[in-house]
C-alpha cells in the first residue's frame, strides 16, 4: 500500500482527506496489526471504492508479524468450520423436506386405506341386510307353507 494525502473519487463524488477517514487495522500478513487511516466508504475488492489511506505507524511490530500467520490459520479454520456447518444445515433441511414428503405420502395412503375400509364395511353391512332379508323371506315362506299345507312333500325316486 502506498501513502497519499488526498484522493478525489469521481465515481462517488466524495473527496478523501484525513478529516473524513476512519482509523483501521491491517489484516494482511505483511502488515498485520499495523494501523492506518482509510476512507470511510472503502470496501474490500471493489474497483469503485476509494483507495485513500495513510499509515499511522512506521513499521509492523514483531509481534504482529509473528501472530499474523496464526490468526490467518485460525480464520481459515473457522471459515472451513462455517462452510461445513452450512453444508450440514442444508443437508438437514433436505432430509427434513424429504421426511415431510414421505409423511404426506403416508397420510395419503392412510386416507385411501380408510376409504377402502369404509367401502368394505358398507358392503359387509349390505350383505348382512340381504342375508337377513333372504332368511326372513325363506322363514316366512316355510311357515306359511307348513301352516296352510299347500304343498305336499314328495320324494323323488330314481328308477
Protein backbone atom coordinates (compact mmCIF):
# COMPACT_ATOMS: atom_id res chain seq x y z
CA UNK A 1 0.00 0.00 0.00
CA UNK A 2 1.26 3.45 -0.76
CA UNK A 3 0.78 6.69 1.11
CA UNK A 4 -1.34 9.50 -0.28
CA UNK A 5 -2.62 12.78 1.12
CA UNK A 6 -5.77 13.46 -0.91
CA UNK A 7 -7.83 11.48 -3.34
CA UNK A 8 -10.95 12.52 -5.19
CA UNK A 9 -13.33 9.75 -6.17
CA UNK A 10 -15.16 10.69 -9.34
CA UNK A 11 -17.48 7.67 -9.23
CA UNK A 12 -18.98 8.51 -5.82
CA UNK A 13 -18.29 12.24 -5.84
CA UNK A 14 -16.53 12.48 -2.48
CA UNK A 15 -13.08 13.75 -1.60
CA UNK A 16 -11.00 11.92 0.98
CA UNK A 17 -8.59 13.57 3.38
CA UNK A 18 -7.60 12.96 6.99
CA UNK A 19 -10.77 14.61 8.34
CA UNK A 20 -13.11 12.20 6.54
CA UNK A 21 -11.17 8.98 7.16
CA UNK A 22 -11.54 6.32 9.83
CA UNK A 23 -8.80 4.51 11.70
CA UNK A 24 -8.38 0.88 10.59
CA UNK A 25 -6.09 -2.07 11.26
CA UNK A 26 -4.37 -4.02 8.52
CA UNK A 27 -5.01 -7.76 8.48
CA UNK A 28 -2.62 -8.65 5.68
CA UNK A 29 0.24 -10.97 6.62
CA UNK A 30 2.91 -8.47 5.62
CA UNK A 31 1.42 -5.55 7.61
CA UNK A 32 -0.66 -7.39 10.21
CA UNK A 33 -1.73 -5.20 13.11
CA UNK A 34 -0.43 -2.03 11.54
CA UNK A 35 -2.77 0.95 11.99
CA UNK A 36 -3.76 3.31 9.16
CA UNK A 37 -6.29 5.92 8.15
CA UNK A 38 -8.61 4.84 5.33
CA UNK A 39 -11.65 6.16 3.53
CA UNK A 40 -14.88 5.55 5.44
CA UNK A 41 -16.52 4.43 2.18
CA UNK A 42 -13.84 1.82 1.46
CA UNK A 43 -14.98 -1.69 0.55
CA UNK A 44 -12.66 -4.68 0.05
CA UNK A 45 -12.18 -5.96 -3.51
CA UNK A 46 -14.13 -3.09 -5.03
CA UNK A 47 -12.79 -1.27 -8.09
CA UNK A 48 -15.03 1.73 -7.48
CA UNK A 49 -14.13 2.14 -3.79
CA UNK A 50 -11.86 4.95 -2.68
CA UNK A 51 -8.29 3.73 -2.18
CA UNK A 52 -7.06 6.53 0.09
CA UNK A 53 -5.01 5.50 3.13
CA UNK A 54 -2.14 6.76 5.27
CA UNK A 55 -0.08 4.73 7.74
CA UNK A 56 -0.18 5.81 11.38
CA UNK A 57 2.97 3.96 12.43
CA UNK A 58 6.30 3.36 10.72
CA UNK A 59 6.54 -0.46 10.68
CA UNK A 60 4.67 -3.56 11.68
CA UNK A 61 5.64 -4.66 15.15
CA UNK A 62 7.49 -8.00 15.50
CA UNK A 63 4.61 -9.47 17.50
CA UNK A 64 2.20 -8.59 14.67
CA UNK A 65 4.43 -10.34 12.13
CA UNK A 66 4.62 -13.41 14.38
CA UNK A 67 0.89 -13.63 15.08
CA UNK A 68 -0.36 -12.85 11.56
CA UNK A 69 0.04 -16.41 10.21
CA UNK A 70 -1.61 -17.83 13.33
CA UNK A 71 -4.58 -15.51 13.03
CA UNK A 72 -4.96 -16.26 9.33
CA UNK A 73 -4.73 -20.01 10.02
CA UNK A 74 -7.38 -19.78 12.74
CA UNK A 75 -9.58 -17.65 10.49
CA UNK A 76 -9.26 -20.23 7.68
CA UNK A 77 -10.17 -22.99 10.14
CA UNK A 78 -13.23 -21.06 11.35
CA UNK A 79 -14.23 -20.36 7.78
CA UNK A 80 -13.96 -24.08 6.93
CA UNK A 81 -15.99 -24.94 10.04
CA UNK A 82 -18.65 -22.43 8.99
CA UNK A 83 -18.82 -23.93 5.50
CA UNK A 84 -19.11 -27.45 6.98
CA UNK A 85 -21.85 -26.30 9.36
CA UNK A 86 -23.70 -24.63 6.48
CA UNK A 87 -23.46 -27.83 4.43
CA UNK A 88 -24.74 -29.90 7.37
CA UNK A 89 -27.62 -27.46 7.82
CA UNK A 90 -28.50 -27.68 4.13
CA UNK A 91 -28.40 -31.49 4.29
CA UNK A 92 -30.61 -31.43 7.37
CA UNK A 93 -33.09 -29.17 5.57
CA UNK A 94 -33.08 -31.55 2.60
CA UNK A 95 -33.68 -34.56 4.88
CA UNK A 96 -36.46 -32.66 6.64
CA UNK A 97 -38.12 -31.85 3.32
CA UNK A 98 -37.83 -35.50 2.29
CA UNK A 99 -39.35 -36.60 5.60
CA UNK A 100 -42.26 -34.18 5.15
CA UNK A 101 -42.82 -35.57 1.64
CA UNK A 102 -42.81 -39.15 2.98
CA UNK A 103 -45.23 -38.12 5.72
CA UNK A 104 -47.54 -36.53 3.14
CA UNK A 105 -47.46 -39.73 1.06
CA UNK A 106 -48.11 -41.88 4.14
CA UNK A 107 -51.08 -39.72 5.11
CA UNK A 108 -52.44 -40.01 1.57
CA UNK A 109 -52.08 -43.81 1.69
CA UNK A 110 -53.79 -43.84 5.09
CA UNK A 111 -56.69 -41.82 3.69
CA UNK A 112 -57.01 -44.25 0.76
CA UNK A 113 -56.91 -47.21 3.15
CA UNK A 114 -59.60 -45.65 5.34
CA UNK A 115 -61.76 -45.07 2.27
CA UNK A 116 -61.33 -48.70 1.17
CA UNK A 117 -62.16 -49.85 4.70
CA UNK A 118 -65.37 -47.79 4.74
CA UNK A 119 -66.38 -49.21 1.34
CA UNK A 120 -65.72 -52.76 2.56
CA UNK A 121 -67.69 -52.13 5.77
CA UNK A 122 -70.60 -50.80 3.69
CA UNK A 123 -70.52 -53.95 1.54
CA UNK A 124 -70.49 -56.16 4.66
CA UNK A 125 -73.47 -54.24 6.05
CA UNK A 126 -75.38 -54.64 2.77
CA UNK A 127 -74.60 -58.38 2.61
CA UNK A 128 -75.79 -58.83 6.20
CA UNK A 129 -79.02 -56.98 5.45
CA UNK A 130 -79.52 -59.06 2.29
CA UNK A 131 -78.81 -62.29 4.22
CA UNK A 132 -81.22 -61.28 6.98
CA UNK A 133 -83.94 -60.42 4.48
CA UNK A 134 -83.47 -63.63 2.49
CA UNK A 135 -83.56 -65.72 5.69
CA UNK A 136 -86.66 -63.87 6.80
CA UNK A 137 -88.38 -64.41 3.45
CA UNK A 138 -87.42 -68.11 3.44
CA UNK A 139 -88.63 -68.49 7.04
CA UNK A 140 -91.96 -66.81 6.28
CA UNK A 141 -92.38 -69.00 3.19
CA UNK A 142 -91.56 -72.14 5.19
CA UNK A 143 -94.01 -71.22 7.99
CA UNK A 144 -96.85 -70.38 5.63
CA UNK A 145 -96.30 -73.46 3.53
CA UNK A 146 -96.49 -75.75 6.58
CA UNK A 147 -99.39 -73.93 8.19
CA UNK A 148 -101.63 -73.81 5.16
CA UNK A 149 -100.46 -77.18 3.83
CA UNK A 150 -100.43 -76.10 0.29
CA UNK A 151 -97.56 -78.34 -0.69
CA UNK A 152 -97.07 -81.97 -0.12
CA UNK A 153 -93.65 -83.24 0.25
CA UNK A 154 -92.96 -85.93 -2.21
CA UNK A 155 -89.87 -87.93 -2.52
CA UNK A 156 -88.27 -88.35 -5.82
CA UNK A 157 -87.06 -91.79 -6.65
CA UNK A 158 -84.81 -92.73 -9.36
CA UNK A 159 -85.78 -95.74 -11.46
